[in-house]
Amino acid sequence: MAAGPQIQPVRATALVDAAAADVYERVYDAPRPELFFESVAWRVVGDGGMVAVRADSTIDVPEPELALVLNTHGKIVGYTICDDMSSRTIEGENPLYPPQAEIYLGGCAVGPAIRPVWEVADPYALPIRMTIRRGGAVTWSGETDTGQLNRRLDDLAGYLFAADVFPDGAVLATGTCLVPDLPGMGQFCTTPRLAFVPAGEHGTALQRRSPHAVPTRPPARCSPGTSWRHTPKACGSSPPSRVSR
C-alpha cells in the first residue's frame, strides 16, 4: 500500500499536466490522505534487483519513501525503504490514471531490511538520500528528511485500517518527499540508490519493460498458512515457488 505525495503542492504539480494540478493541491491539505494499492508481495523487487519502467511511458522517476511495517492490528512495528517507480507520462495525462502509472510488474522495490520500531528514537528525524547513476557517473542526487512529511505516520496507518483488515499485516509507503529532476529520467540504465539511517541502503538497477515481459498468468492462490517468496521467476513466465510458514 502507498500514500500520496508528501511534498509541497507547488513542487508536486510541476511534475504533472496543469489539468491534474488542482488534484494534488487539494489532497495535500485535505483531512483524508490519498491511499492506494501498490503491489502484491510476489511482484515486489528486493535490494539489488531490477525495477522497471513501462514501455508506454517516456518520463519515469524513482520515488524514495519511508515505509511502515504494520502488524495485523495496524500498529507500526518497523521501518524499511520503498522505491516507488512512477510514470509521470501516464499520471500527468489524467488524474484517474495513477493505478496504471504506479501498479505494474517491477514498479516497486522494498528492503534491504526492517528496523524494529523500538530502535528508532524519532521517525520524523530520519535523513532520506537518493543518488542516480548512469554508466557509473552520478547524474542526480538529493537529500531531505522525514520531518518534511505532511502527514503523521500513525494517521496514515489509521486511515489504511479504518475500514479494512490485513490478516498478515501490511507495508505502507508513506509518500514521496524527494523528487528528482525530470529531464532524461526516462532513459535506460538509471540506477537509484536510496539511503535511510534506520534501514541501511537500498540499490536497484532499471530496465524498460516491454508488454511481452508480463507473465502469461498470475501465480495460483496461496492456501491457508502459506506465503509467496519472491524469486527471479516472479518476473518471468512461471509463478514463484510457494513456501510454508
C-alpha atoms as a PDB file:
ATOM      1  CA  MET A   1       0.000   0.000   0.000  1.00  0.00           C
ATOM      2  CA  ALA A   2       1.111   3.566  -0.576  1.00  0.00           C
ATOM      3  CA  ALA A   3       0.234   7.125   0.382  1.00  0.00           C
ATOM      4  CA  GLY A   4       0.128  10.108  -1.954  1.00  0.00           C
ATOM      5  CA  PRO A   5       2.747  12.861  -2.325  1.00  0.00           C
ATOM      6  CA  GLN A   6       4.100  14.439   0.855  1.00  0.00           C
ATOM      7  CA  ILE A   7       5.866  17.382  -0.814  1.00  0.00           C
ATOM      8  CA  GLN A   8       4.602  20.917  -1.213  1.00  0.00           C
ATOM      9  CA  PRO A   9       1.896  21.204  -3.897  1.00  0.00           C
ATOM     10  CA  VAL A  10       3.929  23.699  -5.939  1.00  0.00           C
ATOM     11  CA  ARG A  11       6.662  21.057  -6.356  1.00  0.00           C
ATOM     12  CA  ALA A  12       4.304  18.142  -6.961  1.00  0.00           C
ATOM     13  CA  THR A  13       2.173  19.912  -9.542  1.00  0.00           C
ATOM     14  CA  ALA A  14       5.253  20.819 -11.560  1.00  0.00           C
ATOM     15  CA  LEU A  15       5.525  17.137 -12.387  1.00  0.00           C
ATOM     16  CA  VAL A  16       2.096  16.697 -13.950  1.00  0.00           C
ATOM     17  CA  ASP A  17      -0.098  18.335 -16.529  1.00  0.00           C
ATOM     18  CA  ALA A  18      -1.849  21.531 -15.456  1.00  0.00           C
ATOM     19  CA  ALA A  19      -5.216  19.827 -15.838  1.00  0.00           C
ATOM     20  CA  ALA A  20      -4.366  17.480 -12.947  1.00  0.00           C
ATOM     21  CA  ALA A  21      -2.508  20.027 -10.781  1.00  0.00           C
ATOM     22  CA  ASP A  22      -5.533  21.015  -8.702  1.00  0.00           C
ATOM     23  CA  VAL A  23      -5.992  17.423  -7.536  1.00  0.00           C
ATOM     24  CA  TYR A  24      -2.582  17.424  -5.835  1.00  0.00           C
ATOM     25  CA  GLU A  25      -3.129  20.833  -4.269  1.00  0.00           C
ATOM     26  CA  ARG A  26      -6.451  19.759  -2.756  1.00  0.00           C
ATOM     27  CA  VAL A  27      -5.294  16.414  -1.339  1.00  0.00           C
ATOM     28  CA  TYR A  28      -2.180  17.921   0.279  1.00  0.00           C
ATOM     29  CA  ASP A  29      -4.201  19.847   2.878  1.00  0.00           C
ATOM     30  CA  ALA A  30      -7.282  17.606   2.979  1.00  0.00           C
ATOM     31  CA  PRO A  31      -8.085  15.834   6.266  1.00  0.00           C
ATOM     32  CA  ARG A  32      -8.169  12.467   4.485  1.00  0.00           C
ATOM     33  CA  PRO A  33      -4.899  11.271   2.891  1.00  0.00           C
ATOM     34  CA  GLU A  34      -4.568   9.672  -0.511  1.00  0.00           C
ATOM     35  CA  LEU A  35      -4.034   5.917  -0.088  1.00  0.00           C
ATOM     36  CA  PHE A  36      -3.852   3.360  -2.870  1.00  0.00           C
ATOM     37  CA  PHE A  37      -2.851  -0.209  -3.564  1.00  0.00           C
ATOM     38  CA  GLU A  38       0.763  -0.545  -4.703  1.00  0.00           C
ATOM     39  CA  SER A  39       1.702  -4.200  -5.174  1.00  0.00           C
ATOM     40  CA  VAL A  40       1.226  -7.764  -4.076  1.00  0.00           C
ATOM     41  CA  ALA A  41       4.292  -9.313  -2.451  1.00  0.00           C
ATOM     42  CA  TRP A  42       5.375 -11.531  -5.346  1.00  0.00           C
ATOM     43  CA  ARG A  43       5.711  -8.524  -7.692  1.00  0.00           C
ATOM     44  CA  VAL A  44       7.948  -6.513  -5.332  1.00  0.00           C
ATOM     45  CA  VAL A  45      11.662  -6.246  -6.187  1.00  0.00           C
ATOM     46  CA  GLY A  46      14.273  -6.762  -3.472  1.00  0.00           C
ATOM     47  CA  ASP A  47      17.578  -5.000  -2.817  1.00  0.00           C
ATOM     48  CA  GLY A  48      19.953  -5.389  -5.776  1.00  0.00           C
ATOM     49  CA  GLY A  49      17.095  -6.411  -8.076  1.00  0.00           C
ATOM     50  CA  MET A  50      15.804  -4.904 -11.300  1.00  0.00           C
ATOM     51  CA  VAL A  51      12.998  -2.339 -11.130  1.00  0.00           C
ATOM     52  CA  ALA A  52      11.198  -1.437 -14.338  1.00  0.00           C
ATOM     53  CA  VAL A  53       9.592   1.426 -16.218  1.00  0.00           C
ATOM     54  CA  ARG A  54       6.660   0.924 -18.548  1.00  0.00           C
ATOM     55  CA  ALA A  55       7.347   0.610 -22.264  1.00  0.00           C
ATOM     56  CA  ASP A  56       4.492   3.045 -22.985  1.00  0.00           C
ATOM     57  CA  SER A  57       5.976   5.813 -20.811  1.00  0.00           C
ATOM     58  CA  THR A  58       8.752   8.297 -21.587  1.00  0.00           C
ATOM     59  CA  ILE A  59       9.121  10.167 -18.273  1.00  0.00           C
ATOM     60  CA  ASP A  60       9.627   7.968 -15.217  1.00  0.00           C
ATOM     61  CA  VAL A  61      11.005   8.732 -11.764  1.00  0.00           C
ATOM     62  CA  PRO A  62      12.111   6.676  -8.755  1.00  0.00           C
ATOM     63  CA  GLU A  63      10.480   7.890  -5.558  1.00  0.00           C
ATOM     64  CA  PRO A  64      12.304   7.134  -2.281  1.00  0.00           C
ATOM     65  CA  GLU A  65       9.908   6.670   0.595  1.00  0.00           C
ATOM     66  CA  LEU A  66       9.948   5.642   4.223  1.00  0.00           C
ATOM     67  CA  ALA A  67       7.769   2.518   4.500  1.00  0.00           C
ATOM     68  CA  LEU A  68       5.887   1.459   7.622  1.00  0.00           C
ATOM     69  CA  VAL A  69       5.721  -2.217   8.542  1.00  0.00           C
ATOM     70  CA  LEU A  70       2.313  -2.702  10.155  1.00  0.00           C
ATOM     71  CA  ASN A  71       1.060  -5.717  12.098  1.00  0.00           C
ATOM     72  CA  THR A  72      -2.423  -7.181  11.838  1.00  0.00           C
ATOM     73  CA  HIS A  73      -3.738  -4.593  14.308  1.00  0.00           C
ATOM     74  CA  GLY A  74      -2.438  -1.641  12.292  1.00  0.00           C
ATOM     75  CA  LYS A  75       0.374  -0.861  14.728  1.00  0.00           C
ATOM     76  CA  ILE A  76       3.756   0.281  13.400  1.00  0.00           C
ATOM     77  CA  VAL A  77       6.295  -2.414  14.279  1.00  0.00           C
ATOM     78  CA  GLY A  78       9.152  -1.455  11.961  1.00  0.00           C
ATOM     79  CA  TYR A  79      10.510   0.739   9.179  1.00  0.00           C
ATOM     80  CA  THR A  80      12.024  -0.058   5.806  1.00  0.00           C
ATOM     81  CA  ILE A  81      12.787   1.559   2.418  1.00  0.00           C
ATOM     82  CA  CYS A  82      10.471   1.700  -0.573  1.00  0.00           C
ATOM     83  CA  ASP A  83      11.417   2.718  -4.117  1.00  0.00           C
ATOM     84  CA  ASP A  84       8.123   3.529  -5.799  1.00  0.00           C
ATOM     85  CA  MET A  85       8.637   3.865  -9.557  1.00  0.00           C
ATOM     86  CA  SER A  86       6.137   6.233 -11.173  1.00  0.00           C
ATOM     87  CA  SER A  87       5.259   7.053 -14.773  1.00  0.00           C
ATOM     88  CA  ARG A  88       4.863  10.827 -14.967  1.00  0.00           C
ATOM     89  CA  THR A  89       3.886  10.477 -18.617  1.00  0.00           C
ATOM     90  CA  ILE A  90       0.770   8.487 -17.730  1.00  0.00           C
ATOM     91  CA  GLU A  91      -0.082  10.168 -14.425  1.00  0.00           C
ATOM     92  CA  GLY A  92       0.184  13.616 -15.983  1.00  0.00           C
ATOM     93  CA  GLU A  93      -2.372  12.806 -18.682  1.00  0.00           C
ATOM     94  CA  ASN A  94      -5.284  12.306 -16.313  1.00  0.00           C
ATOM     95  CA  PRO A  95      -5.724  12.278 -12.506  1.00  0.00           C
ATOM     96  CA  LEU A  96      -7.538   8.935 -12.835  1.00  0.00           C
ATOM     97  CA  TYR A  97      -4.500   7.188 -14.336  1.00  0.00           C
ATOM     98  CA  PRO A  98      -2.276   6.677 -11.223  1.00  0.00           C
ATOM     99  CA  PRO A  99      -3.147   2.949 -10.979  1.00  0.00           C
ATOM    100  CA  GLN A 100      -1.579   2.451 -14.420  1.00  0.00           C
ATOM    101  CA  ALA A 101       1.306   4.777 -13.608  1.00  0.00           C
ATOM    102  CA  GLU A 102       2.133   3.003 -10.341  1.00  0.00           C
ATOM    103  CA  ILE A 103       0.899  -0.597 -10.441  1.00  0.00           C
ATOM    104  CA  TYR A 104       2.852  -2.803 -12.822  1.00  0.00           C
ATOM    105  CA  LEU A 105       5.410  -5.609 -12.760  1.00  0.00           C
ATOM    106  CA  GLY A 106       8.688  -4.383 -11.252  1.00  0.00           C
ATOM    107  CA  GLY A 107       7.288  -0.975 -10.318  1.00  0.00           C
ATOM    108  CA  CYS A 108       8.028  -1.248  -6.601  1.00  0.00           C
ATOM    109  CA  ALA A 109      11.118  -2.220  -4.588  1.00  0.00           C
ATOM    110  CA  VAL A 110      11.410  -2.762  -0.828  1.00  0.00           C
ATOM    111  CA  GLY A 111      14.323  -3.512   1.505  1.00  0.00           C
ATOM    112  CA  PRO A 112      17.004  -4.386   2.327  1.00  0.00           C
ATOM    113  CA  ALA A 113      15.960  -4.786   5.977  1.00  0.00           C
ATOM    114  CA  ILE A 114      13.332  -3.914   8.566  1.00  0.00           C
ATOM    115  CA  ARG A 115      14.427  -1.830  11.557  1.00  0.00           C
ATOM    116  CA  PRO A 116      12.206  -2.519  14.620  1.00  0.00           C
ATOM    117  CA  VAL A 117      10.243   0.491  15.781  1.00  0.00           C
ATOM    118  CA  TRP A 118      11.818   0.445  19.261  1.00  0.00           C
ATOM    119  CA  GLU A 119      15.261   1.027  17.735  1.00  0.00           C
ATOM    120  CA  VAL A 120      14.227   4.332  16.114  1.00  0.00           C
ATOM    121  CA  ALA A 121      14.070   7.161  18.639  1.00  0.00           C
ATOM    122  CA  ASP A 122      12.427   9.715  16.323  1.00  0.00           C
ATOM    123  CA  PRO A 123      10.919   8.567  12.992  1.00  0.00           C
ATOM    124  CA  TYR A 124      10.497  12.234  11.999  1.00  0.00           C
ATOM    125  CA  ALA A 125      14.250  12.902  12.070  1.00  0.00           C
ATOM    126  CA  LEU A 126      15.489  10.378   9.515  1.00  0.00           C
ATOM    127  CA  PRO A 127      17.530  11.526   6.513  1.00  0.00           C
ATOM    128  CA  ILE A 128      16.396  10.384   3.070  1.00  0.00           C
ATOM    129  CA  ARG A 129      19.039  10.377   0.349  1.00  0.00           C
ATOM    130  CA  MET A 130      18.866   9.304  -3.280  1.00  0.00           C
ATOM    131  CA  THR A 131      21.650   9.032  -5.838  1.00  0.00           C
ATOM    132  CA  ILE A 132      21.054   8.184  -9.504  1.00  0.00           C
ATOM    133  CA  ARG A 133      23.901   6.874 -11.644  1.00  0.00           C
ATOM    134  CA  ARG A 134      24.227   6.172 -15.363  1.00  0.00           C
ATOM    135  CA  GLY A 135      27.281   4.402 -16.671  1.00  0.00           C
ATOM    136  CA  GLY A 136      28.942   4.758 -13.301  1.00  0.00           C
ATOM    137  CA  ALA A 137      28.543   8.554 -13.228  1.00  0.00           C
ATOM    138  CA  VAL A 138      26.264  10.382 -10.804  1.00  0.00           C
ATOM    139  CA  THR A 139      23.568  12.219 -12.773  1.00  0.00           C
ATOM    140  CA  TRP A 140      21.403  13.352  -9.851  1.00  0.00           C
ATOM    141  CA  SER A 141      21.483  13.319  -6.072  1.00  0.00           C
ATOM    142  CA  GLY A 142      19.257  14.803  -3.426  1.00  0.00           C
ATOM    143  CA  GLU A 143      18.546  14.708   0.290  1.00  0.00           C
ATOM    144  CA  THR A 144      15.658  15.509   2.598  1.00  0.00           C
ATOM    145  CA  ASP A 145      14.339  14.059   5.859  1.00  0.00           C
ATOM    146  CA  THR A 146      11.166  12.588   7.273  1.00  0.00           C
ATOM    147  CA  GLY A 147      10.478  15.822   9.137  1.00  0.00           C
ATOM    148  CA  GLN A 148       9.192  17.125   5.789  1.00  0.00           C
ATOM    149  CA  LEU A 149       6.345  14.584   5.713  1.00  0.00           C
ATOM    150  CA  ASN A 150       2.991  16.335   5.657  1.00  0.00           C
ATOM    151  CA  ARG A 151       1.149  13.532   7.484  1.00  0.00           C
ATOM    152  CA  ARG A 152       1.649  11.834  10.811  1.00  0.00           C
ATOM    153  CA  LEU A 153       2.682   8.210  10.414  1.00  0.00           C
ATOM    154  CA  ASP A 154       0.084   6.848  12.811  1.00  0.00           C
ATOM    155  CA  ASP A 155      -2.629   8.821  10.983  1.00  0.00           C
ATOM    156  CA  LEU A 156      -1.696   7.149   7.682  1.00  0.00           C
ATOM    157  CA  ALA A 157      -1.839   3.733   9.339  1.00  0.00           C
ATOM    158  CA  GLY A 158      -5.165   4.578  10.957  1.00  0.00           C
ATOM    159  CA  TYR A 159      -6.806   5.521   7.657  1.00  0.00           C
ATOM    160  CA  LEU A 160      -5.472   2.360   5.997  1.00  0.00           C
ATOM    161  CA  PHE A 161      -7.013   0.112   8.657  1.00  0.00           C
ATOM    162  CA  ALA A 162     -10.171   2.194   9.209  1.00  0.00           C
ATOM    163  CA  ALA A 163     -12.414   0.021   7.029  1.00  0.00           C
ATOM    164  CA  ASP A 164     -10.231  -2.937   6.078  1.00  0.00           C
ATOM    165  CA  VAL A 165      -8.376  -5.866   7.608  1.00  0.00           C
ATOM    166  CA  PHE A 166      -4.900  -7.221   6.842  1.00  0.00           C
ATOM    167  CA  PRO A 167      -4.538 -10.640   8.500  1.00  0.00           C
ATOM    168  CA  ASP A 168      -0.796 -10.728   7.783  1.00  0.00           C
ATOM    169  CA  GLY A 169      -0.203  -7.009   8.256  1.00  0.00           C
ATOM    170  CA  ALA A 170       0.910  -4.641   5.517  1.00  0.00           C
ATOM    171  CA  VAL A 171       3.765  -2.432   4.318  1.00  0.00           C
ATOM    172  CA  LEU A 172       2.685   1.172   3.785  1.00  0.00           C
ATOM    173  CA  ALA A 173       4.884   3.572   1.807  1.00  0.00           C
ATOM    174  CA  THR A 174       4.410   6.994   3.382  1.00  0.00           C
ATOM    175  CA  GLY A 175       4.534   9.114   0.216  1.00  0.00           C
ATOM    176  CA  THR A 176       7.053  10.931  -1.891  1.00  0.00           C
ATOM    177  CA  CYS A 177       9.032  13.763  -0.295  1.00  0.00           C
ATOM    178  CA  LEU A 178      12.046  13.758  -2.640  1.00  0.00           C
ATOM    179  CA  VAL A 179      11.610  14.038  -6.415  1.00  0.00           C
ATOM    180  CA  PRO A 180      14.461  14.085  -8.971  1.00  0.00           C
ATOM    181  CA  ASP A 181      14.576  16.491 -11.876  1.00  0.00           C
ATOM    182  CA  LEU A 182      12.639  15.270 -14.878  1.00  0.00           C
ATOM    183  CA  PRO A 183      14.983  15.733 -17.885  1.00  0.00           C
ATOM    184  CA  GLY A 184      16.271  12.385 -19.054  1.00  0.00           C
ATOM    185  CA  MET A 185      14.699  10.422 -16.205  1.00  0.00           C
ATOM    186  CA  GLY A 186      13.065   8.012 -18.638  1.00  0.00           C
ATOM    187  CA  GLN A 187      16.350   6.906 -20.168  1.00  0.00           C
ATOM    188  CA  PHE A 188      17.607   3.355 -19.872  1.00  0.00           C
ATOM    189  CA  CYS A 189      20.151   2.245 -17.266  1.00  0.00           C
ATOM    190  CA  THR A 190      19.198   4.550 -14.416  1.00  0.00           C
ATOM    191  CA  THR A 191      20.399   3.142 -11.077  1.00  0.00           C
ATOM    192  CA  PRO A 192      18.821   4.675  -7.977  1.00  0.00           C
ATOM    193  CA  ARG A 193      20.346   4.154  -4.540  1.00  0.00           C
ATOM    194  CA  LEU A 194      18.266   5.103  -1.533  1.00  0.00           C
ATOM    195  CA  ALA A 195      19.681   5.585   1.953  1.00  0.00           C
ATOM    196  CA  PHE A 196      17.827   5.729   5.271  1.00  0.00           C
ATOM    197  CA  VAL A 197      19.506   5.573   8.636  1.00  0.00           C
ATOM    198  CA  PRO A 198      17.020   3.063  10.135  1.00  0.00           C
ATOM    199  CA  ALA A 199      17.108   0.554   7.294  1.00  0.00           C
ATOM    200  CA  GLY A 200      20.505   0.901   5.634  1.00  0.00           C
ATOM    201  CA  GLU A 201      20.927   1.411   1.898  1.00  0.00           C
ATOM    202  CA  HIS A 202      18.829   0.044  -0.933  1.00  0.00           C
ATOM    203  CA  GLY A 203      20.055  -0.211  -4.519  1.00  0.00           C
ATOM    204  CA  THR A 204      18.383  -1.345  -7.727  1.00  0.00           C
ATOM    205  CA  ALA A 205      19.051  -1.250 -11.459  1.00  0.00           C
ATOM    206  CA  LEU A 206      16.437  -0.267 -14.013  1.00  0.00           C
ATOM    207  CA  GLN A 207      15.112  -1.744 -17.232  1.00  0.00           C
ATOM    208  CA  ARG A 208      12.438  -0.699 -19.723  1.00  0.00           C
ATOM    209  CA  ARG A 209       9.873  -3.474 -19.769  1.00  0.00           C
ATOM    210  CA  SER A 210       8.076  -4.417 -22.971  1.00  0.00           C
ATOM    211  CA  PRO A 211       4.457  -5.612 -22.830  1.00  0.00           C
ATOM    212  CA  HIS A 212       5.675  -9.124 -23.698  1.00  0.00           C
ATOM    213  CA  ALA A 213       7.647  -9.320 -20.432  1.00  0.00           C
ATOM    214  CA  VAL A 214       4.443  -9.541 -18.394  1.00  0.00           C
ATOM    215  CA  PRO A 215       3.757 -13.048 -17.018  1.00  0.00           C
ATOM    216  CA  THR A 216       1.253 -15.024 -19.068  1.00  0.00           C
ATOM    217  CA  ARG A 217      -0.667 -15.930 -15.940  1.00  0.00           C
ATOM    218  CA  PRO A 218      -0.581 -14.922 -12.272  1.00  0.00           C
ATOM    219  CA  PRO A 219       0.551 -17.387  -9.604  1.00  0.00           C
ATOM    220  CA  ALA A 220      -2.042 -19.689  -8.088  1.00  0.00           C
ATOM    221  CA  ARG A 221      -3.706 -18.564  -4.867  1.00  0.00           C
ATOM    222  CA  CYS A 222      -1.899 -19.269  -1.630  1.00  0.00           C
ATOM    223  CA  SER A 223      -3.529 -21.901   0.510  1.00  0.00           C
ATOM    224  CA  PRO A 224      -4.083 -21.012   4.186  1.00  0.00           C
ATOM    225  CA  GLY A 225      -0.851 -20.809   6.142  1.00  0.00           C
ATOM    226  CA  THR A 226       1.402 -20.165   3.155  1.00  0.00           C
ATOM    227  CA  SER A 227       3.020 -17.126   1.560  1.00  0.00           C
ATOM    228  CA  TRP A 228       4.918 -16.272  -1.589  1.00  0.00           C
ATOM    229  CA  ARG A 229       8.687 -15.946  -1.678  1.00  0.00           C
ATOM    230  CA  HIS A 230       9.885 -13.513  -4.348  1.00  0.00           C
ATOM    231  CA  THR A 231      12.238 -15.178  -6.842  1.00  0.00           C
ATOM    232  CA  PRO A 232      13.538 -14.105 -10.262  1.00  0.00           C
ATOM    233  CA  LYS A 233      10.822 -16.299 -11.761  1.00  0.00           C
ATOM    234  CA  ALA A 234       8.267 -13.791 -10.469  1.00  0.00           C
ATOM    235  CA  CYS A 235       9.256 -11.548 -13.384  1.00  0.00           C
ATOM    236  CA  GLY A 236       9.162 -14.325 -15.959  1.00  0.00           C
ATOM    237  CA  SER A 237       6.601 -16.676 -17.374  1.00  0.00           C
ATOM    238  CA  SER A 238       6.482 -19.047 -14.373  1.00  0.00           C
ATOM    239  CA  PRO A 239       4.951 -18.317 -10.958  1.00  0.00           C
ATOM    240  CA  PRO A 240       7.219 -18.046  -7.909  1.00  0.00           C
ATOM    241  CA  SER A 241       7.625 -21.032  -5.591  1.00  0.00           C
ATOM    242  CA  ARG A 242       5.422 -21.367  -2.552  1.00  0.00           C
ATOM    243  CA  VAL A 243       6.814 -21.797   0.946  1.00  0.00           C
ATOM    244  CA  SER A 244       5.129 -22.808   4.168  1.00  0.00           C
ATOM    245  CA  ARG A 245       5.230 -20.572   7.161  1.00  0.00           C
END
